Amino acid sequence: MSDSLPLRPAVRGLVIDEDNSVLMVRLMFPGGAWWVLPGGGIDSGEDHATALHRELAEEIGLVGATIGPPVWERTHHFQLIDTDGVEWSGQTEVVYIVRTERFDPSPHFSEEQLRAEGLHEHKWWAIDDIASYRGPDNFAPPQIADHLLHIVNRGVPVPPFVINQNS
């Protein structure tokens, strides 16, 4: 991986229901599997809200959601070649809170399109279950349960958290 490659701009949604459970997607790659918040790269000409609405519809089938304020910003480095063949050295993402009633995910993307992006599963997670998870998969960011507890117990941080690669 070359540090001279750019970082991909991205958005993610902290989709959280009335019981404070969080909807996450499971990404699988040759290096392992990660539970992450739904979202992804910002296309050319898109603003954050437009990109997040598109990503939420594609990945989980959530349309017309009210996007709240940003809760954290995170930059992480990893080798990425997107579906357009563009190579990135990682991404910088902004996570926005999206409060909603619980629903069954019904992605607008086909199963083939989801697999092309590495997405293999959806799951509503209770924060305590994230904190106590000892399975083979990873969570991104690794300390997401701590960040979620802060948001649920103290509200949306102003300014948003800045999360480094390992927190």
C-alpha atoms as a PDB file:
ATOM      1  CA  MET A   1       0.000   0.000   0.000  1.00  0.00           C
ATOM      2  CA  SER A   2       1.269   3.427  -0.919  1.00  0.00           C
ATOM      3  CA  ASP A   3       0.933   6.328   1.487  1.00  0.00           C
ATOM      4  CA  SER A   4       0.867   8.579  -1.577  1.00  0.00           C
ATOM      5  CA  LEU A   5      -2.597   7.299  -2.474  1.00  0.00           C
ATOM      6  CA  PRO A   6      -5.522   9.455  -1.356  1.00  0.00           C
ATOM      7  CA  LEU A   7      -7.953   8.671   1.434  1.00  0.00           C
ATOM      8  CA  ARG A   8     -11.511   7.975   0.266  1.00  0.00           C
ATOM      9  CA  PRO A   9     -14.125  10.337   1.724  1.00  0.00           C
ATOM     10  CA  ALA A  10     -16.976   8.342   3.269  1.00  0.00           C
ATOM     11  CA  VAL A  11     -20.094   8.597   5.427  1.00  0.00           C
ATOM     12  CA  ARG A  12     -21.719   6.094   7.759  1.00  0.00           C
ATOM     13  CA  GLY A  13     -24.978   6.020   9.663  1.00  0.00           C
ATOM     14  CA  LEU A  14     -25.274   5.203  13.340  1.00  0.00           C
ATOM     15  CA  VAL A  15     -28.715   3.650  12.811  1.00  0.00           C
ATOM     16  CA  ILE A  16     -30.148   3.271  16.284  1.00  0.00           C
ATOM     17  CA  ASP A  17     -33.627   2.169  17.341  1.00  0.00           C
ATOM     18  CA  GLU A  18     -35.902   3.063  20.245  1.00  0.00           C
ATOM     19  CA  ASP A  19     -34.183   0.419  22.449  1.00  0.00           C
ATOM     20  CA  ASN A  20     -30.710   1.826  21.602  1.00  0.00           C
ATOM     21  CA  SER A  21     -29.838  -1.207  19.489  1.00  0.00           C
ATOM     22  CA  VAL A  22     -27.571  -0.472  16.540  1.00  0.00           C
ATOM     23  CA  LEU A  23     -27.960  -1.828  13.019  1.00  0.00           C
ATOM     24  CA  MET A  24     -24.621  -3.026  11.681  1.00  0.00           C
ATOM     25  CA  VAL A  25     -23.463  -4.775   8.537  1.00  0.00           C
ATOM     26  CA  ARG A  26     -20.913  -7.576   8.361  1.00  0.00           C
ATOM     27  CA  LEU A  27     -18.130  -7.081   5.835  1.00  0.00           C
ATOM     28  CA  MET A  28     -16.041 -10.108   4.884  1.00  0.00           C
ATOM     29  CA  PHE A  29     -12.658  -9.881   3.191  1.00  0.00           C
ATOM     30  CA  PRO A  30      -9.706 -12.259   2.861  1.00  0.00           C
ATOM     31  CA  GLY A  31      -8.165 -10.664   5.972  1.00  0.00           C
ATOM     32  CA  GLY A  32     -11.210 -11.232   8.189  1.00  0.00           C
ATOM     33  CA  ALA A  33     -14.723 -10.077   8.956  1.00  0.00           C
ATOM     34  CA  TRP A  34     -15.822  -6.800  10.528  1.00  0.00           C
ATOM     35  CA  TRP A  35     -19.103  -5.491  11.876  1.00  0.00           C
ATOM     36  CA  VAL A  36     -19.406  -1.863  10.773  1.00  0.00           C
ATOM     37  CA  LEU A  37     -22.035   0.822  10.524  1.00  0.00           C
ATOM     38  CA  PRO A  38     -23.776   1.000   7.132  1.00  0.00           C
ATOM     39  CA  GLY A  39     -22.347   3.505   4.693  1.00  0.00           C
ATOM     40  CA  GLY A  40     -19.503   3.987   2.299  1.00  0.00           C
ATOM     41  CA  GLY A  41     -17.771   6.244  -0.157  1.00  0.00           C
ATOM     42  CA  ILE A  42     -19.021   9.630  -1.245  1.00  0.00           C
ATOM     43  CA  ASP A  43     -19.474   9.766  -5.017  1.00  0.00           C
ATOM     44  CA  SER A  44     -18.250  12.725  -7.044  1.00  0.00           C
ATOM     45  CA  GLY A  45     -20.664  15.639  -6.680  1.00  0.00           C
ATOM     46  CA  GLU A  46     -22.455  14.236  -3.613  1.00  0.00           C
ATOM     47  CA  ASP A  47     -22.717  16.018  -0.291  1.00  0.00           C
ATOM     48  CA  HIS A  48     -22.710  14.022   2.944  1.00  0.00           C
ATOM     49  CA  ALA A  49     -26.508  13.834   3.285  1.00  0.00           C
ATOM     50  CA  THR A  50     -27.040  12.697  -0.315  1.00  0.00           C
ATOM     51  CA  ALA A  51     -24.306  10.059  -0.029  1.00  0.00           C
ATOM     52  CA  LEU A  52     -25.628   8.747   3.284  1.00  0.00           C
ATOM     53  CA  HIS A  53     -29.220   8.526   2.011  1.00  0.00           C
ATOM     54  CA  ARG A  54     -27.951   6.583  -1.019  1.00  0.00           C
ATOM     55  CA  GLU A  55     -25.789   4.237   1.070  1.00  0.00           C
ATOM     56  CA  LEU A  56     -28.567   3.547   3.598  1.00  0.00           C
ATOM     57  CA  ALA A  57     -30.988   2.657   0.789  1.00  0.00           C
ATOM     58  CA  GLU A  58     -28.449   0.466  -1.018  1.00  0.00           C
ATOM     59  CA  GLU A  59     -27.184  -1.443   2.028  1.00  0.00           C
ATOM     60  CA  ILE A  60     -30.123  -1.663   4.435  1.00  0.00           C
ATOM     61  CA  GLY A  61     -33.180  -0.379   2.555  1.00  0.00           C
ATOM     62  CA  LEU A  62     -33.718   2.641   4.796  1.00  0.00           C
ATOM     63  CA  VAL A  63     -35.296   5.445   2.753  1.00  0.00           C
ATOM     64  CA  GLY A  64     -36.171   8.967   3.847  1.00  0.00           C
ATOM     65  CA  ALA A  65     -34.412   8.722   7.189  1.00  0.00           C
ATOM     66  CA  THR A  66     -33.855  11.843   9.246  1.00  0.00           C
ATOM     67  CA  ILE A  67     -30.112  12.297   9.445  1.00  0.00           C
ATOM     68  CA  GLY A  68     -29.007  13.837  12.703  1.00  0.00           C
ATOM     69  CA  PRO A  69     -25.750  15.531  13.601  1.00  0.00           C
ATOM     70  CA  PRO A  70     -22.321  13.958  13.198  1.00  0.00           C
ATOM     71  CA  VAL A  71     -21.205  11.876  16.193  1.00  0.00           C
ATOM     72  CA  TRP A  72     -17.665  10.996  15.197  1.00  0.00           C
ATOM     73  CA  GLU A  73     -15.025  11.328  12.533  1.00  0.00           C
ATOM     74  CA  ARG A  74     -12.573   8.537  11.857  1.00  0.00           C
ATOM     75  CA  THR A  75      -9.593   8.088   9.571  1.00  0.00           C
ATOM     76  CA  HIS A  76      -8.228   4.612   9.067  1.00  0.00           C
ATOM     77  CA  HIS A  77      -5.664   3.178   6.693  1.00  0.00           C
ATOM     78  CA  PHE A  78      -6.145   0.000   4.713  1.00  0.00           C
ATOM     79  CA  GLN A  79      -5.743  -0.955   1.085  1.00  0.00           C
ATOM     80  CA  LEU A  80      -8.942  -0.442  -0.861  1.00  0.00           C
ATOM     81  CA  ILE A  81      -9.846  -0.739  -4.505  1.00  0.00           C
ATOM     82  CA  ASP A  82     -13.421   0.425  -4.952  1.00  0.00           C
ATOM     83  CA  THR A  83     -15.996  -0.927  -7.393  1.00  0.00           C
ATOM     84  CA  ASP A  84     -14.845   1.653  -9.965  1.00  0.00           C
ATOM     85  CA  GLY A  85     -11.272   0.320  -9.767  1.00  0.00           C
ATOM     86  CA  VAL A  86      -9.923   3.368  -7.915  1.00  0.00           C
ATOM     87  CA  GLU A  87      -7.199   2.566  -5.380  1.00  0.00           C
ATOM     88  CA  TRP A  88      -7.223   4.274  -1.972  1.00  0.00           C
ATOM     89  CA  SER A  89      -4.925   4.111   1.069  1.00  0.00           C
ATOM     90  CA  GLY A  90      -7.923   4.074   3.422  1.00  0.00           C
ATOM     91  CA  GLN A  91     -10.757   6.396   4.203  1.00  0.00           C
ATOM     92  CA  THR A  92     -11.871   9.330   6.256  1.00  0.00           C
ATOM     93  CA  GLU A  93     -15.451   8.874   7.378  1.00  0.00           C
ATOM     94  CA  VAL A  94     -18.002  11.009   9.166  1.00  0.00           C
ATOM     95  CA  VAL A  95     -20.659   9.126  11.153  1.00  0.00           C
ATOM     96  CA  TYR A  96     -24.112  10.662  11.557  1.00  0.00           C
ATOM     97  CA  ILE A  97     -26.768   9.565  14.040  1.00  0.00           C
ATOM     98  CA  VAL A  98     -29.925   8.177  12.420  1.00  0.00           C
ATOM     99  CA  ARG A  99     -32.713   7.455  14.915  1.00  0.00           C
ATOM    100  CA  THR A 100     -35.393   5.102  13.607  1.00  0.00           C
ATOM    101  CA  GLU A 101     -37.915   2.493  14.610  1.00  0.00           C
ATOM    102  CA  ARG A 102     -36.570  -1.041  14.275  1.00  0.00           C
ATOM    103  CA  PHE A 103     -37.140  -2.507  10.831  1.00  0.00           C
ATOM    104  CA  ASP A 104     -36.096  -5.571   8.870  1.00  0.00           C
ATOM    105  CA  PRO A 105     -33.306  -4.574   6.472  1.00  0.00           C
ATOM    106  CA  SER A 106     -34.284  -4.902   2.822  1.00  0.00           C
ATOM    107  CA  PRO A 107     -31.354  -3.568   0.782  1.00  0.00           C
ATOM    108  CA  HIS A 108     -32.007  -1.984  -2.591  1.00  0.00           C
ATOM    109  CA  PHE A 109     -28.787  -3.593  -3.834  1.00  0.00           C
ATOM    110  CA  SER A 110     -29.013  -7.154  -5.064  1.00  0.00           C
ATOM    111  CA  GLU A 111     -27.230  -9.908  -3.187  1.00  0.00           C
ATOM    112  CA  GLU A 112     -24.588  -9.913  -5.946  1.00  0.00           C
ATOM    113  CA  GLN A 113     -24.016  -6.165  -5.567  1.00  0.00           C
ATOM    114  CA  LEU A 114     -23.757  -6.479  -1.787  1.00  0.00           C
ATOM    115  CA  ARG A 115     -21.233  -9.335  -2.079  1.00  0.00           C
ATOM    116  CA  ALA A 116     -19.161  -7.266  -4.523  1.00  0.00           C
ATOM    117  CA  GLU A 117     -18.792  -4.744  -1.694  1.00  0.00           C
ATOM    118  CA  GLY A 118     -18.007  -7.465   0.843  1.00  0.00           C
ATOM    119  CA  LEU A 119     -21.353  -7.112   2.648  1.00  0.00           C
ATOM    120  CA  HIS A 120     -22.719 -10.461   3.844  1.00  0.00           C
ATOM    121  CA  GLU A 121     -25.080  -9.872   6.754  1.00  0.00           C
ATOM    122  CA  HIS A 122     -27.171  -7.339   8.726  1.00  0.00           C
ATOM    123  CA  LYS A 123     -27.822  -7.461  12.439  1.00  0.00           C
ATOM    124  CA  TRP A 124     -29.333  -5.319  15.163  1.00  0.00           C
ATOM    125  CA  TRP A 125     -26.878  -5.318  18.081  1.00  0.00           C
ATOM    126  CA  ALA A 126     -27.554  -4.358  21.694  1.00  0.00           C
ATOM    127  CA  ILE A 127     -24.667  -2.265  22.980  1.00  0.00           C
ATOM    128  CA  ASP A 128     -24.038  -4.749  25.828  1.00  0.00           C
ATOM    129  CA  ASP A 129     -23.762  -7.569  23.266  1.00  0.00           C
ATOM    130  CA  ILE A 130     -21.169  -5.602  21.316  1.00  0.00           C
ATOM    131  CA  ALA A 131     -19.219  -4.916  24.518  1.00  0.00           C
ATOM    132  CA  SER A 132     -19.239  -8.595  25.563  1.00  0.00           C
ATOM    133  CA  TYR A 133     -18.668 -10.133  22.108  1.00  0.00           C
ATOM    134  CA  ARG A 134     -15.739 -12.556  22.001  1.00  0.00           C
ATOM    135  CA  GLY A 135     -16.325 -14.141  18.593  1.00  0.00           C
ATOM    136  CA  PRO A 136     -14.051 -14.364  15.592  1.00  0.00           C
ATOM    137  CA  ASP A 137     -15.216 -11.122  13.943  1.00  0.00           C
ATOM    138  CA  ASN A 138     -14.005  -7.598  14.632  1.00  0.00           C
ATOM    139  CA  PHE A 139     -15.882  -4.366  15.217  1.00  0.00           C
ATOM    140  CA  ALA A 140     -14.892  -1.131  13.553  1.00  0.00           C
ATOM    141  CA  PRO A 141     -13.996   1.021  15.264  1.00  0.00           C
ATOM    142  CA  PRO A 142     -12.696  -1.455  17.866  1.00  0.00           C
ATOM    143  CA  GLN A 143     -14.006   0.535  20.859  1.00  0.00           C
ATOM    144  CA  ILE A 144     -17.418   1.200  19.311  1.00  0.00           C
ATOM    145  CA  ALA A 145     -19.312  -0.006  22.416  1.00  0.00           C
ATOM    146  CA  ASP A 146     -17.638   2.699  24.542  1.00  0.00           C
ATOM    147  CA  HIS A 147     -18.499   5.375  21.987  1.00  0.00           C
ATOM    148  CA  LEU A 148     -22.102   4.152  21.756  1.00  0.00           C
ATOM    149  CA  LEU A 149     -22.524   4.136  25.537  1.00  0.00           C
ATOM    150  CA  HIS A 150     -21.260   7.710  25.693  1.00  0.00           C
ATOM    151  CA  ILE A 151     -23.775   8.808  23.027  1.00  0.00           C
ATOM    152  CA  VAL A 152     -26.708   6.954  24.625  1.00  0.00           C
ATOM    153  CA  ASN A 153     -25.905   8.114  28.170  1.00  0.00           C
ATOM    154  CA  ARG A 154     -24.615  11.644  27.535  1.00  0.00           C
ATOM    155  CA  GLY A 155     -26.026  12.600  24.136  1.00  0.00           C
ATOM    156  CA  VAL A 156     -24.432  13.502  20.849  1.00  0.00           C
ATOM    157  CA  PRO A 157     -20.957  14.961  21.422  1.00  0.00           C
ATOM    158  CA  VAL A 158     -20.339  18.547  20.310  1.00  0.00           C
ATOM    159  CA  PRO A 159     -17.958  18.691  18.565  1.00  0.00           C
ATOM    160  CA  PRO A 160     -18.012  15.102  17.248  1.00  0.00           C
ATOM    161  CA  PHE A 161     -15.486  12.592  18.596  1.00  0.00           C
ATOM    162  CA  VAL A 162     -12.312  12.231  16.569  1.00  0.00           C
ATOM    163  CA  ILE A 163     -11.422   8.550  16.558  1.00  0.00           C
ATOM    164  CA  ASN A 164      -7.956   7.397  15.616  1.00  0.00           C
ATOM    165  CA  GLN A 165      -7.060   4.154  13.836  1.00  0.00           C
ATOM    166  CA  ASN A 166      -7.191   1.976  16.951  1.00  0.00           C
ATOM    167  CA  SER A 167      -9.908   3.463  19.150  1.00  0.00           C
END
